[in-house]
C-alpha atoms as a PDB file:
ATOM      1  CA  MET A   1     -13.064 107.151 157.474  1.00  0.00           C
ATOM      2  CA  LEU A   2     -11.528 103.640 157.755  1.00  0.00           C
ATOM      3  CA  ARG A   3     -10.177 102.601 161.205  1.00  0.00           C
ATOM      4  CA  LEU A   4      -8.358  99.276 160.985  1.00  0.00           C
ATOM      5  CA  VAL A   5      -8.475  96.499 164.355  1.00  0.00           C
ATOM      6  CA  LYS A   6      -7.065  93.524 165.224  1.00  0.00           C
ATOM      7  CA  PHE A   7      -9.375  90.554 165.468  1.00  0.00           C
ATOM      8  CA  ASP A   8      -9.336  90.186 169.829  1.00  0.00           C
ATOM      9  CA  GLY A   9     -12.634  87.917 169.723  1.00  0.00           C
ATOM     10  CA  LYS A  10     -13.737  89.309 172.130  1.00  0.00           C
ATOM     11  CA  THR A  11     -15.347  92.616 170.044  1.00  0.00           C
ATOM     12  CA  THR A  12     -18.987  92.337 168.416  1.00  0.00           C
ATOM     13  CA  TYR A  13     -19.704  94.522 165.218  1.00  0.00           C
ATOM     14  CA  MET A  14     -22.479  94.158 162.533  1.00  0.00           C
ATOM     15  CA  TYR A  15     -22.395  92.830 158.958  1.00  0.00           C
ATOM     16  CA  PRO A  16     -23.521  95.128 155.981  1.00  0.00           C
ATOM     17  CA  SER A  17     -26.264  93.505 155.461  1.00  0.00           C
ATOM     18  CA  GLY A  18     -27.353  94.786 159.302  1.00  0.00           C
ATOM     19  CA  GLU A  19     -26.777  91.757 160.181  1.00  0.00           C
ATOM     20  CA  ILE A  20     -25.200  91.023 163.952  1.00  0.00           C
ATOM     21  CA  ALA A  21     -21.657  89.568 163.750  1.00  0.00           C
ATOM     22  CA  PRO A  22     -20.210  88.559 167.679  1.00  0.00           C
ATOM     23  CA  PRO A  23     -17.173  87.328 167.819  1.00  0.00           C
ATOM     24  CA  GLU A  24     -18.421  83.385 167.016  1.00  0.00           C
ATOM     25  CA  ARG A  25     -20.109  84.133 164.534  1.00  0.00           C
ATOM     26  CA  ILE A  26     -16.959  85.640 162.336  1.00  0.00           C
ATOM     27  CA  ARG A  27     -15.148  82.628 163.832  1.00  0.00           C
ATOM     28  CA  LYS A  28     -17.927  80.356 161.755  1.00  0.00           C
ATOM     29  CA  ASP A  29     -17.816  83.005 158.633  1.00  0.00           C
ATOM     30  CA  PHE A  30     -13.712  83.024 158.694  1.00  0.00           C
ATOM     31  CA  PRO A  31     -12.321  80.209 160.632  1.00  0.00           C
ATOM     32  CA  ALA A  32      -9.068  81.414 159.932  1.00  0.00           C
ATOM     33  CA  VAL A  33      -9.334  83.728 162.046  1.00  0.00           C
ATOM     34  CA  ASP A  34      -8.261  81.851 165.009  1.00  0.00           C
ATOM     35  CA  TYR A  35      -4.676  80.250 163.648  1.00  0.00           C
ATOM     36  CA  PHE A  36      -3.387  83.987 161.866  1.00  0.00           C
ATOM     37  CA  ALA A  37      -3.520  87.227 162.555  1.00  0.00           C
ATOM     38  CA  HIS A  38      -6.451  88.613 160.523  1.00  0.00           C
ATOM     39  CA  VAL A  39      -7.619  92.152 161.450  1.00  0.00           C
ATOM     40  CA  LEU A  40     -11.147  93.884 160.083  1.00  0.00           C
ATOM     41  CA  GLU A  41     -12.387  97.043 158.273  1.00  0.00           C
ATOM     42  CA  ILE A  42     -14.496  98.918 160.984  1.00  0.00           C
ATOM     43  CA  ASN A  43     -16.157 101.666 159.432  1.00  0.00           C
ATOM     44  CA  GLY A  44     -18.561 102.967 162.397  1.00  0.00           C
ATOM     45  CA  ASN A  45     -19.391  99.735 163.741  1.00  0.00           C
ATOM     46  CA  VAL A  46     -19.868  97.523 160.496  1.00  0.00           C
ATOM     47  CA  CYS A  47     -17.673  95.138 159.569  1.00  0.00           C
ATOM     48  CA  GLN A  48     -16.242  96.245 156.113  1.00  0.00           C
ATOM     49  CA  ALA A  49     -14.031  92.902 155.740  1.00  0.00           C
ATOM     50  CA  VAL A  50     -11.734  90.300 157.258  1.00  0.00           C
ATOM     51  CA  MET A  51      -8.800  89.836 155.994  1.00  0.00           C
ATOM     52  CA  GLU A  52      -5.305  88.248 157.310  1.00  0.00           C
ATOM     53  CA  LEU A  53      -2.371  91.207 158.589  1.00  0.00           C
ATOM     54  CA  GLU A  54      -0.057  89.026 157.206  1.00  0.00           C
ATOM     55  CA  ALA A  55      -1.392  89.027 153.462  1.00  0.00           C
ATOM     56  CA  LEU A  56      -1.861  93.793 153.851  1.00  0.00           C
ATOM     57  CA  ARG A  57       1.810  93.853 154.836  1.00  0.00           C
ATOM     58  CA  ASN A  58       2.960  92.903 151.944  1.00  0.00           C
ATOM     59  CA  ARG A  59       0.240  93.963 149.631  1.00  0.00           C
ATOM     60  CA  TYR A  60       1.163  97.175 150.794  1.00  0.00           C
ATOM     61  CA  ASN A  61       4.639  96.581 151.285  1.00  0.00           C
ATOM     62  CA  ILE A  62       5.171  97.570 155.404  1.00  0.00           C
ATOM     63  CA  ASP A  63       8.336  95.931 156.435  1.00  0.00           C
ATOM     64  CA  PRO A  64       8.163  93.575 158.350  1.00  0.00           C
ATOM     65  CA  SER A  65      10.228  94.817 161.576  1.00  0.00           C
ATOM     66  CA  LEU A  66       7.483  96.495 162.328  1.00  0.00           C
ATOM     67  CA  THR A  67       5.402  95.569 165.098  1.00  0.00           C
ATOM     68  CA  GLU A  68       1.577  94.302 164.196  1.00  0.00           C
ATOM     69  CA  GLU A  69       0.021  97.437 165.823  1.00  0.00           C
ATOM     70  CA  GLU A  70       2.906  99.603 163.882  1.00  0.00           C
ATOM     71  CA  ALA A  71       1.744  97.457 160.733  1.00  0.00           C
ATOM     72  CA  ILE A  72      -2.028  98.178 161.562  1.00  0.00           C
ATOM     73  CA  ALA A  73      -1.308 101.419 162.354  1.00  0.00           C
ATOM     74  CA  ALA A  74       0.872 102.429 158.588  1.00  0.00           C
ATOM     75  CA  ILE A  75      -1.725 100.101 156.483  1.00  0.00           C
ATOM     76  CA  GLN A  76      -4.661 102.196 158.149  1.00  0.00           C
ATOM     77  CA  ALA A  77      -2.867 105.300 156.900  1.00  0.00           C
ATOM     78  CA  ILE A  78      -2.330 104.936 153.359  1.00  0.00           C
ATOM     79  CA  ILE A  79      -6.228 103.130 153.360  1.00  0.00           C
ATOM     80  CA  ASN A  80      -7.189 106.490 154.610  1.00  0.00           C
ATOM     81  CA  THR A  81      -5.096 108.471 152.731  1.00  0.00           C
ATOM     82  CA  PRO A  82      -7.044 111.128 149.965  1.00  0.00           C
ATOM     83  CA  PRO A  83      -5.670 109.699 145.881  1.00  0.00           C
ATOM     84  CA  PRO A  84      -3.473 112.655 144.286  1.00  0.00           C
ATOM     85  CA  GLU A  85      -4.919 115.416 142.140  1.00  0.00           C
ATOM     86  CA  PRO A  86      -4.663 113.853 138.554  1.00  0.00           C
ATOM     87  CA  GLN A  87      -2.624 116.190 136.336  1.00  0.00           C
ATOM     88  CA  PRO A  88      -3.957 117.630 133.328  1.00  0.00           C
ATOM     89  CA  THR A  89      -3.580 115.627 130.429  1.00  0.00           C
ATOM     90  CA  PRO A  90      -1.121 117.506 127.818  1.00  0.00           C
ATOM     91  CA  GLU A  91      -4.794 117.894 125.319  1.00  0.00           C
ATOM     92  CA  GLU A  92      -6.434 120.207 127.773  1.00  0.00           C
ATOM     93  CA  ARG A  93      -3.373 122.010 128.466  1.00  0.00           C
ATOM     94  CA  ILE A  94      -3.847 122.546 124.978  1.00  0.00           C
ATOM     95  CA  ALA A  95      -7.706 123.348 125.089  1.00  0.00           C
ATOM     96  CA  ALA A  96      -6.543 125.528 128.649  1.00  0.00           C
ATOM     97  CA  ALA A  97      -4.210 127.509 126.821  1.00  0.00           C
ATOM     98  CA  LEU A  98      -5.851 128.208 123.377  1.00  0.00           C
ATOM     99  CA  GLU A  99      -8.712 129.443 125.824  1.00  0.00           C
ATOM    100  CA  PHE A 100      -6.913 131.769 127.496  1.00  0.00           C
ATOM    101  CA  GLN A 101      -5.219 132.998 124.347  1.00  0.00           C
ATOM    102  CA  ASN A 102      -9.217 133.974 123.054  1.00  0.00           C
ATOM    103  CA  LEU A 103      -9.432 135.885 125.762  1.00  0.00           C
ATOM    104  CA  LEU A 104      -6.745 138.138 125.467  1.00  0.00           C
ATOM    105  CA  ALA A 105      -7.932 138.766 122.041  1.00  0.00           C
ATOM    106  CA  MET A 106     -11.229 139.665 122.988  1.00  0.00           C
END
């Protein structure tokens, strides 16, 4: 399960490569974090992504009237929702029906 946290400039994380990512390192690698609200995608203690909050709001069609915390919670809920079960194709349904008819004919 992925967590989204707003960049606070205080917490130290680790990059997927294993390098330590203190706030100064994140600021060096992503200078825009000091100018725009950014969200970190966290898995355990690993910072997997640094994303601008407004871009995420647009990507997931989040209501602009929500506060930053509410928007982050809504985006996190969308990201962690499992994909729906795939619907069987018409060919798969026909094959299952024919298989069932063969079993009844035995």
